[in-house]
Amino acid sequence: EWARARLWPADTAHALCAVLRSRGRTLGVLTFLRGPGRGRFDRSDVAYAEEVAARIGAALDLAAAVRG
C-alpha cells in the first residue's frame, strides 16, 4: 500500500533513500528500490548510495552553475 501511494512498482519490498546535497543545500532525494527476491539494504549499500548521491548532487550543482 505504502509503495503504491508513492508510485513505486507493486512488488517493491525494500527502499533506501539518500539525500542529494551540494554546498550545504539539499537538491533532492535518490531512491533505490528492491523487490522481494533481494534482501534488505545493508551498511555497504548505504555507503554506496551516499557516494552516488554525493556525486549526483555535485553534478546537478555544476550543471546549474554552468547554465548560469
PDB file of N, CA and C in Angstrom:
ATOM      1  N   GLU A   1       0.836  -1.203   0.000  1.00  0.00           N
ATOM      2  CA  GLU A   1       0.000   0.000   0.000  1.00  0.00           C
ATOM      3  C   GLU A   1       0.880   1.267   0.000  1.00  0.00           C
ATOM      4  N   TRP A   2       1.890   1.280   0.892  1.00  0.00           N
ATOM      5  CA  TRP A   2       2.768   2.438   1.009  1.00  0.00           C
ATOM      6  C   TRP A   2       3.515   2.666  -0.302  1.00  0.00           C
ATOM      7  N   ALA A   3       4.028   1.585  -0.896  1.00  0.00           N
ATOM      8  CA  ALA A   3       4.761   1.702  -2.162  1.00  0.00           C
ATOM      9  C   ALA A   3       3.838   2.184  -3.279  1.00  0.00           C
ATOM     10  N   ARG A   4       2.643   1.703  -3.319  1.00  0.00           N
ATOM     11  CA  ARG A   4       1.696   2.102  -4.354  1.00  0.00           C
ATOM     12  C   ARG A   4       1.377   3.598  -4.262  1.00  0.00           C
ATOM     13  N   ALA A   5       1.255   4.111  -3.040  1.00  0.00           N
ATOM     14  CA  ALA A   5       0.957   5.534  -2.850  1.00  0.00           C
ATOM     15  C   ALA A   5       2.084   6.417  -3.389  1.00  0.00           C
ATOM     16  N   ARG A   6       3.291   5.880  -3.473  1.00  0.00           N
ATOM     17  CA  ARG A   6       4.449   6.630  -3.977  1.00  0.00           C
ATOM     18  C   ARG A   6       4.758   6.326  -5.436  1.00  0.00           C
ATOM     19  N   LEU A   7       3.872   5.568  -6.068  1.00  0.00           N
ATOM     20  CA  LEU A   7       4.003   5.191  -7.473  1.00  0.00           C
ATOM     21  C   LEU A   7       5.232   4.322  -7.733  1.00  0.00           C
ATOM     22  N   TRP A   8       5.647   3.541  -6.745  1.00  0.00           N
ATOM     23  CA  TRP A   8       6.730   2.584  -6.912  1.00  0.00           C
ATOM     24  C   TRP A   8       6.160   1.313  -7.502  1.00  0.00           C
ATOM     25  N   PRO A   9       6.991   0.465  -8.099  1.00  0.00           N
ATOM     26  CA  PRO A   9       6.495  -0.816  -8.618  1.00  0.00           C
ATOM     27  C   PRO A   9       5.772  -1.601  -7.515  1.00  0.00           C
ATOM     28  N   ALA A  10       4.754  -2.326  -7.902  1.00  0.00           N
ATOM     29  CA  ALA A  10       3.918  -3.041  -6.934  1.00  0.00           C
ATOM     30  C   ALA A  10       4.686  -4.065  -6.107  1.00  0.00           C
ATOM     31  N   ASP A  11       5.755  -4.627  -6.663  1.00  0.00           N
ATOM     32  CA  ASP A  11       6.498  -5.654  -5.932  1.00  0.00           C
ATOM     33  C   ASP A  11       7.648  -5.105  -5.084  1.00  0.00           C
ATOM     34  N   THR A  12       7.696  -3.803  -4.866  1.00  0.00           N
ATOM     35  CA  THR A  12       8.756  -3.209  -4.051  1.00  0.00           C
ATOM     36  C   THR A  12       8.690  -3.743  -2.625  1.00  0.00           C
ATOM     37  N   ALA A  13       9.810  -4.274  -2.162  1.00  0.00           N
ATOM     38  CA  ALA A  13       9.871  -4.818  -0.797  1.00  0.00           C
ATOM     39  C   ALA A  13      10.776  -3.988   0.101  1.00  0.00           C
ATOM     40  N   HIS A  14      11.804  -3.355  -0.478  1.00  0.00           N
ATOM     41  CA  HIS A  14      12.762  -2.579   0.310  1.00  0.00           C
ATOM     42  C   HIS A  14      13.102  -1.292  -0.423  1.00  0.00           C
ATOM     43  N   ALA A  15      13.306  -0.220   0.329  1.00  0.00           N
ATOM     44  CA  ALA A  15      13.681   1.065  -0.256  1.00  0.00           C
ATOM     45  C   ALA A  15      14.799   1.695   0.562  1.00  0.00           C
ATOM     46  N   LEU A  16      15.676   2.407  -0.126  1.00  0.00           N
ATOM     47  CA  LEU A  16      16.759   3.140   0.514  1.00  0.00           C
ATOM     48  C   LEU A  16      16.814   4.510  -0.142  1.00  0.00           C
ATOM     49  N   CYS A  17      16.712   5.556   0.650  1.00  0.00           N
ATOM     50  CA  CYS A  17      16.745   6.924   0.135  1.00  0.00           C
ATOM     51  C   CYS A  17      18.011   7.616   0.605  1.00  0.00           C
ATOM     52  N   ALA A  18      18.654   8.339  -0.304  1.00  0.00           N
ATOM     53  CA  ALA A  18      19.848   9.110   0.012  1.00  0.00           C
ATOM     54  C   ALA A  18      19.625  10.547  -0.454  1.00  0.00           C
ATOM     55  N   VAL A  19      19.987  11.496   0.371  1.00  0.00           N
ATOM     56  CA  VAL A  19      19.762  12.913   0.073  1.00  0.00           C
ATOM     57  C   VAL A  19      20.815  13.422  -0.900  1.00  0.00           C
ATOM     58  N   LEU A  20      20.353  14.138  -1.927  1.00  0.00           N
ATOM     59  CA  LEU A  20      21.260  14.794  -2.872  1.00  0.00           C
ATOM     60  C   LEU A  20      21.595  16.163  -2.300  1.00  0.00           C
ATOM     61  N   ARG A  21      22.866  16.364  -1.981  1.00  0.00           N
ATOM     62  CA  ARG A  21      23.306  17.636  -1.391  1.00  0.00           C
ATOM     63  C   ARG A  21      24.532  18.152  -2.124  1.00  0.00           C
ATOM     64  N   SER A  22      24.657  19.463  -2.107  1.00  0.00           N
ATOM     65  CA  SER A  22      25.860  20.099  -2.614  1.00  0.00           C
ATOM     66  C   SER A  22      25.996  21.462  -1.959  1.00  0.00           C
ATOM     67  N   ARG A  23      27.164  21.755  -1.478  1.00  0.00           N
ATOM     68  CA  ARG A  23      27.484  23.027  -0.816  1.00  0.00           C
ATOM     69  C   ARG A  23      26.463  23.385   0.259  1.00  0.00           C
ATOM     70  N   GLY A  24      26.068  22.389   1.032  1.00  0.00           N
ATOM     71  CA  GLY A  24      25.167  22.626   2.149  1.00  0.00           C
ATOM     72  C   GLY A  24      23.707  22.754   1.784  1.00  0.00           C
ATOM     73  N   ARG A  25      23.381  22.562   0.520  1.00  0.00           N
ATOM     74  CA  ARG A  25      21.989  22.674   0.073  1.00  0.00           C
ATOM     75  C   ARG A  25      21.447  21.296  -0.270  1.00  0.00           C
ATOM     76  N   THR A  26      20.202  21.082   0.042  1.00  0.00           N
ATOM     77  CA  THR A  26      19.522  19.848  -0.338  1.00  0.00           C
ATOM     78  C   THR A  26      18.893  20.053  -1.707  1.00  0.00           C
ATOM     79  N   LEU A  27      19.220  19.146  -2.642  1.00  0.00           N
ATOM     80  CA  LEU A  27      18.744  19.279  -4.020  1.00  0.00           C
ATOM     81  C   LEU A  27      17.649  18.274  -4.365  1.00  0.00           C
ATOM     82  N   GLY A  28      17.549  17.214  -3.591  1.00  0.00           N
ATOM     83  CA  GLY A  28      16.556  16.190  -3.884  1.00  0.00           C
ATOM     84  C   GLY A  28      16.877  14.905  -3.139  1.00  0.00           C
ATOM     85  N   VAL A  29      16.282  13.834  -3.596  1.00  0.00           N
ATOM     86  CA  VAL A  29      16.464  12.524  -2.969  1.00  0.00           C
ATOM     87  C   VAL A  29      16.637  11.483  -4.062  1.00  0.00           C
ATOM     88  N   LEU A  30      17.576  10.579  -3.846  1.00  0.00           N
ATOM     89  CA  LEU A  30      17.803   9.442  -4.728  1.00  0.00           C
ATOM     90  C   LEU A  30      17.248   8.212  -4.029  1.00  0.00           C
ATOM     91  N   THR A  31      16.395   7.457  -4.707  1.00  0.00           N
ATOM     92  CA  THR A  31      15.754   6.304  -4.089  1.00  0.00           C
ATOM     93  C   THR A  31      16.142   5.025  -4.812  1.00  0.00           C
ATOM     94  N   PHE A  32      16.617   4.052  -4.054  1.00  0.00           N
ATOM     95  CA  PHE A  32      16.939   2.722  -4.556  1.00  0.00           C
ATOM     96  C   PHE A  32      15.836   1.779  -4.097  1.00  0.00           C
ATOM     97  N   LEU A  33      15.355   0.934  -4.998  1.00  0.00           N
ATOM     98  CA  LEU A  33      14.277   0.005  -4.665  1.00  0.00           C
ATOM     99  C   LEU A  33      14.720  -1.429  -4.929  1.00  0.00           C
ATOM    100  N   ARG A  34      14.210  -2.348  -4.120  1.00  0.00           N
ATOM    101  CA  ARG A  34      14.450  -3.771  -4.319  1.00  0.00           C
ATOM    102  C   ARG A  34      13.141  -4.531  -4.222  1.00  0.00           C
ATOM    103  N   GLY A  35      13.053  -5.574  -5.007  1.00  0.00           N
ATOM    104  CA  GLY A  35      11.887  -6.443  -4.968  1.00  0.00           C
ATOM    105  C   GLY A  35      12.035  -7.498  -3.888  1.00  0.00           C
ATOM    106  N   PRO A  36      11.052  -8.359  -3.762  1.00  0.00           N
ATOM    107  CA  PRO A  36      11.059  -9.367  -2.709  1.00  0.00           C
ATOM    108  C   PRO A  36      12.142 -10.439  -2.877  1.00  0.00           C
ATOM    109  N   GLY A  37      12.707 -10.559  -4.058  1.00  0.00           N
ATOM    110  CA  GLY A  37      13.751 -11.555  -4.303  1.00  0.00           C
ATOM    111  C   GLY A  37      15.110 -11.171  -3.754  1.00  0.00           C
ATOM    112  N   ARG A  38      15.251  -9.963  -3.291  1.00  0.00           N
ATOM    113  CA  ARG A  38      16.526  -9.481  -2.747  1.00  0.00           C
ATOM    114  C   ARG A  38      16.358  -9.173  -1.269  1.00  0.00           C
ATOM    115  N   GLY A  39      17.453  -9.224  -0.540  1.00  0.00           N
ATOM    116  CA  GLY A  39      17.414  -8.921   0.886  1.00  0.00           C
ATOM    117  C   GLY A  39      17.360  -7.430   1.156  1.00  0.00           C
ATOM    118  N   ARG A  40      17.256  -7.111   2.433  1.00  0.00           N
ATOM    119  CA  ARG A  40      17.261  -5.698   2.834  1.00  0.00           C
ATOM    120  C   ARG A  40      18.592  -5.054   2.505  1.00  0.00           C
ATOM    121  N   PHE A  41      18.602  -3.734   2.466  1.00  0.00           N
ATOM    122  CA  PHE A  41      19.837  -2.993   2.251  1.00  0.00           C
ATOM    123  C   PHE A  41      20.695  -3.094   3.507  1.00  0.00           C
ATOM    124  N   ASP A  42      22.023  -3.194   3.317  1.00  0.00           N
ATOM    125  CA  ASP A  42      22.928  -3.259   4.465  1.00  0.00           C
ATOM    126  C   ASP A  42      23.845  -2.034   4.468  1.00  0.00           C
ATOM    127  N   ARG A  43      24.778  -2.016   5.396  1.00  0.00           N
ATOM    128  CA  ARG A  43      25.660  -0.840   5.538  1.00  0.00           C
ATOM    129  C   ARG A  43      26.457  -0.532   4.271  1.00  0.00           C
ATOM    130  N   SER A  44      26.912  -1.559   3.582  1.00  0.00           N
ATOM    131  CA  SER A  44      27.679  -1.300   2.356  1.00  0.00           C
ATOM    132  C   SER A  44      26.779  -0.690   1.278  1.00  0.00           C
ATOM    133  N   ASP A  45      25.514  -1.081   1.241  1.00  0.00           N
ATOM    134  CA  ASP A  45      24.566  -0.473   0.309  1.00  0.00           C
ATOM    135  C   ASP A  45      24.341   0.999   0.640  1.00  0.00           C
ATOM    136  N   VAL A  46      24.251   1.302   1.929  1.00  0.00           N
ATOM    137  CA  VAL A  46      24.064   2.689   2.364  1.00  0.00           C
ATOM    138  C   VAL A  46      25.277   3.532   1.972  1.00  0.00           C
ATOM    139  N   ALA A  47      26.475   2.999   2.184  1.00  0.00           N
ATOM    140  CA  ALA A  47      27.693   3.728   1.808  1.00  0.00           C
ATOM    141  C   ALA A  47      27.727   3.991   0.307  1.00  0.00           C
ATOM    142  N   TYR A  48      27.351   2.994  -0.480  1.00  0.00           N
ATOM    143  CA  TYR A  48      27.300   3.151  -1.934  1.00  0.00           C
ATOM    144  C   TYR A  48      26.267   4.211  -2.323  1.00  0.00           C
ATOM    145  N   ALA A  49      25.082   4.142  -1.740  1.00  0.00           N
ATOM    146  CA  ALA A  49      24.024   5.103  -2.049  1.00  0.00           C
ATOM    147  C   ALA A  49      24.461   6.525  -1.712  1.00  0.00           C
ATOM    148  N   GLU A  50      25.133   6.697  -0.577  1.00  0.00           N
ATOM    149  CA  GLU A  50      25.591   8.033  -0.193  1.00  0.00           C
ATOM    150  C   GLU A  50      26.657   8.551  -1.139  1.00  0.00           C
ATOM    151  N   GLU A  51      27.536   7.681  -1.602  1.00  0.00           N
ATOM    152  CA  GLU A  51      28.574   8.094  -2.549  1.00  0.00           C
ATOM    153  C   GLU A  51      27.954   8.500  -3.885  1.00  0.00           C
ATOM    154  N   VAL A  52      27.031   7.701  -4.374  1.00  0.00           N
ATOM    155  CA  VAL A  52      26.350   8.026  -5.631  1.00  0.00           C
ATOM    156  C   VAL A  52      25.571   9.338  -5.483  1.00  0.00           C
ATOM    157  N   ALA A  53      24.870   9.510  -4.373  1.00  0.00           N
ATOM    158  CA  ALA A  53      24.098  10.733  -4.134  1.00  0.00           C
ATOM    159  C   ALA A  53      25.010  11.958  -4.082  1.00  0.00           C
ATOM    160  N   ALA A  54      26.170  11.821  -3.473  1.00  0.00           N
ATOM    161  CA  ALA A  54      27.112  12.944  -3.408  1.00  0.00           C
ATOM    162  C   ALA A  54      27.588  13.338  -4.804  1.00  0.00           C
ATOM    163  N   ARG A  55      27.869  12.345  -5.627  1.00  0.00           N
ATOM    164  CA  ARG A  55      28.322  12.631  -6.998  1.00  0.00           C
ATOM    165  C   ARG A  55      27.217  13.268  -7.839  1.00  0.00           C
ATOM    166  N   ILE A  56      26.012  12.747  -7.709  1.00  0.00           N
ATOM    167  CA  ILE A  56      24.889  13.318  -8.464  1.00  0.00           C
ATOM    168  C   ILE A  56      24.597  14.742  -7.989  1.00  0.00           C
ATOM    169  N   GLY A  57      24.641  14.961  -6.679  1.00  0.00           N
ATOM    170  CA  GLY A  57      24.425  16.302  -6.135  1.00  0.00           C
ATOM    171  C   GLY A  57      25.436  17.292  -6.680  1.00  0.00           C
ATOM    172  N   ALA A  58      26.707  16.888  -6.720  1.00  0.00           N
ATOM    173  CA  ALA A  58      27.752  17.756  -7.252  1.00  0.00           C
ATOM    174  C   ALA A  58      27.535  18.021  -8.741  1.00  0.00           C
ATOM    175  N   ALA A  59      27.135  16.987  -9.486  1.00  0.00           N
ATOM    176  CA  ALA A  59      26.887  17.155 -10.923  1.00  0.00           C
ATOM    177  C   ALA A  59      25.712  18.086 -11.180  1.00  0.00           C
ATOM    178  N   LEU A  60      24.653  17.954 -10.414  1.00  0.00           N
ATOM    179  CA  LEU A  60      23.498  18.846 -10.571  1.00  0.00           C
ATOM    180  C   LEU A  60      23.873  20.296 -10.251  1.00  0.00           C
ATOM    181  N   ASP A  61      24.657  20.471  -9.197  1.00  0.00           N
ATOM    182  CA  ASP A  61      25.095  21.806  -8.803  1.00  0.00           C
ATOM    183  C   ASP A  61      25.968  22.424  -9.898  1.00  0.00           C
ATOM    184  N   LEU A  62      26.881  21.646 -10.445  1.00  0.00           N
ATOM    185  CA  LEU A  62      27.743  22.136 -11.511  1.00  0.00           C
ATOM    186  C   LEU A  62      26.921  22.480 -12.753  1.00  0.00           C
ATOM    187  N   ALA A  63      25.976  21.633 -13.093  1.00  0.00           N
ATOM    188  CA  ALA A  63      25.142  21.896 -14.273  1.00  0.00           C
ATOM    189  C   ALA A  63      24.360  23.202 -14.110  1.00  0.00           C
ATOM    190  N   ALA A  64      23.853  23.440 -12.916  1.00  0.00           N
ATOM    191  CA  ALA A  64      23.115  24.681 -12.664  1.00  0.00           C
ATOM    192  C   ALA A  64      24.043  25.888 -12.753  1.00  0.00           C
ATOM    193  N   ALA A  65      25.273  25.748 -12.284  1.00  0.00           N
ATOM    194  CA  ALA A  65      26.232  26.848 -12.321  1.00  0.00           C
ATOM    195  C   ALA A  65      26.643  27.164 -13.754  1.00  0.00           C
ATOM    196  N   VAL A  66      26.797  26.145 -14.565  1.00  0.00           N
ATOM    197  CA  VAL A  66      27.205  26.341 -15.955  1.00  0.00           C
ATOM    198  C   VAL A  66      26.086  27.012 -16.754  1.00  0.00           C
ATOM    199  N   ARG A  67      24.846  26.645 -16.458  1.00  0.00           N
ATOM    200  CA  ARG A  67      23.707  27.259 -17.146  1.00  0.00           C
ATOM    201  C   ARG A  67      23.553  28.732 -16.769  1.00  0.00           C
ATOM    202  N   GLY A  68      24.035  29.052 -15.556  1.00  0.00           N
ATOM    203  CA  GLY A  68      24.021  30.433 -15.108  1.00  0.00           C
ATOM    204  C   GLY A  68      22.701  30.944 -14.832  1.00  0.00           C
TER     205      GLY A  68
END
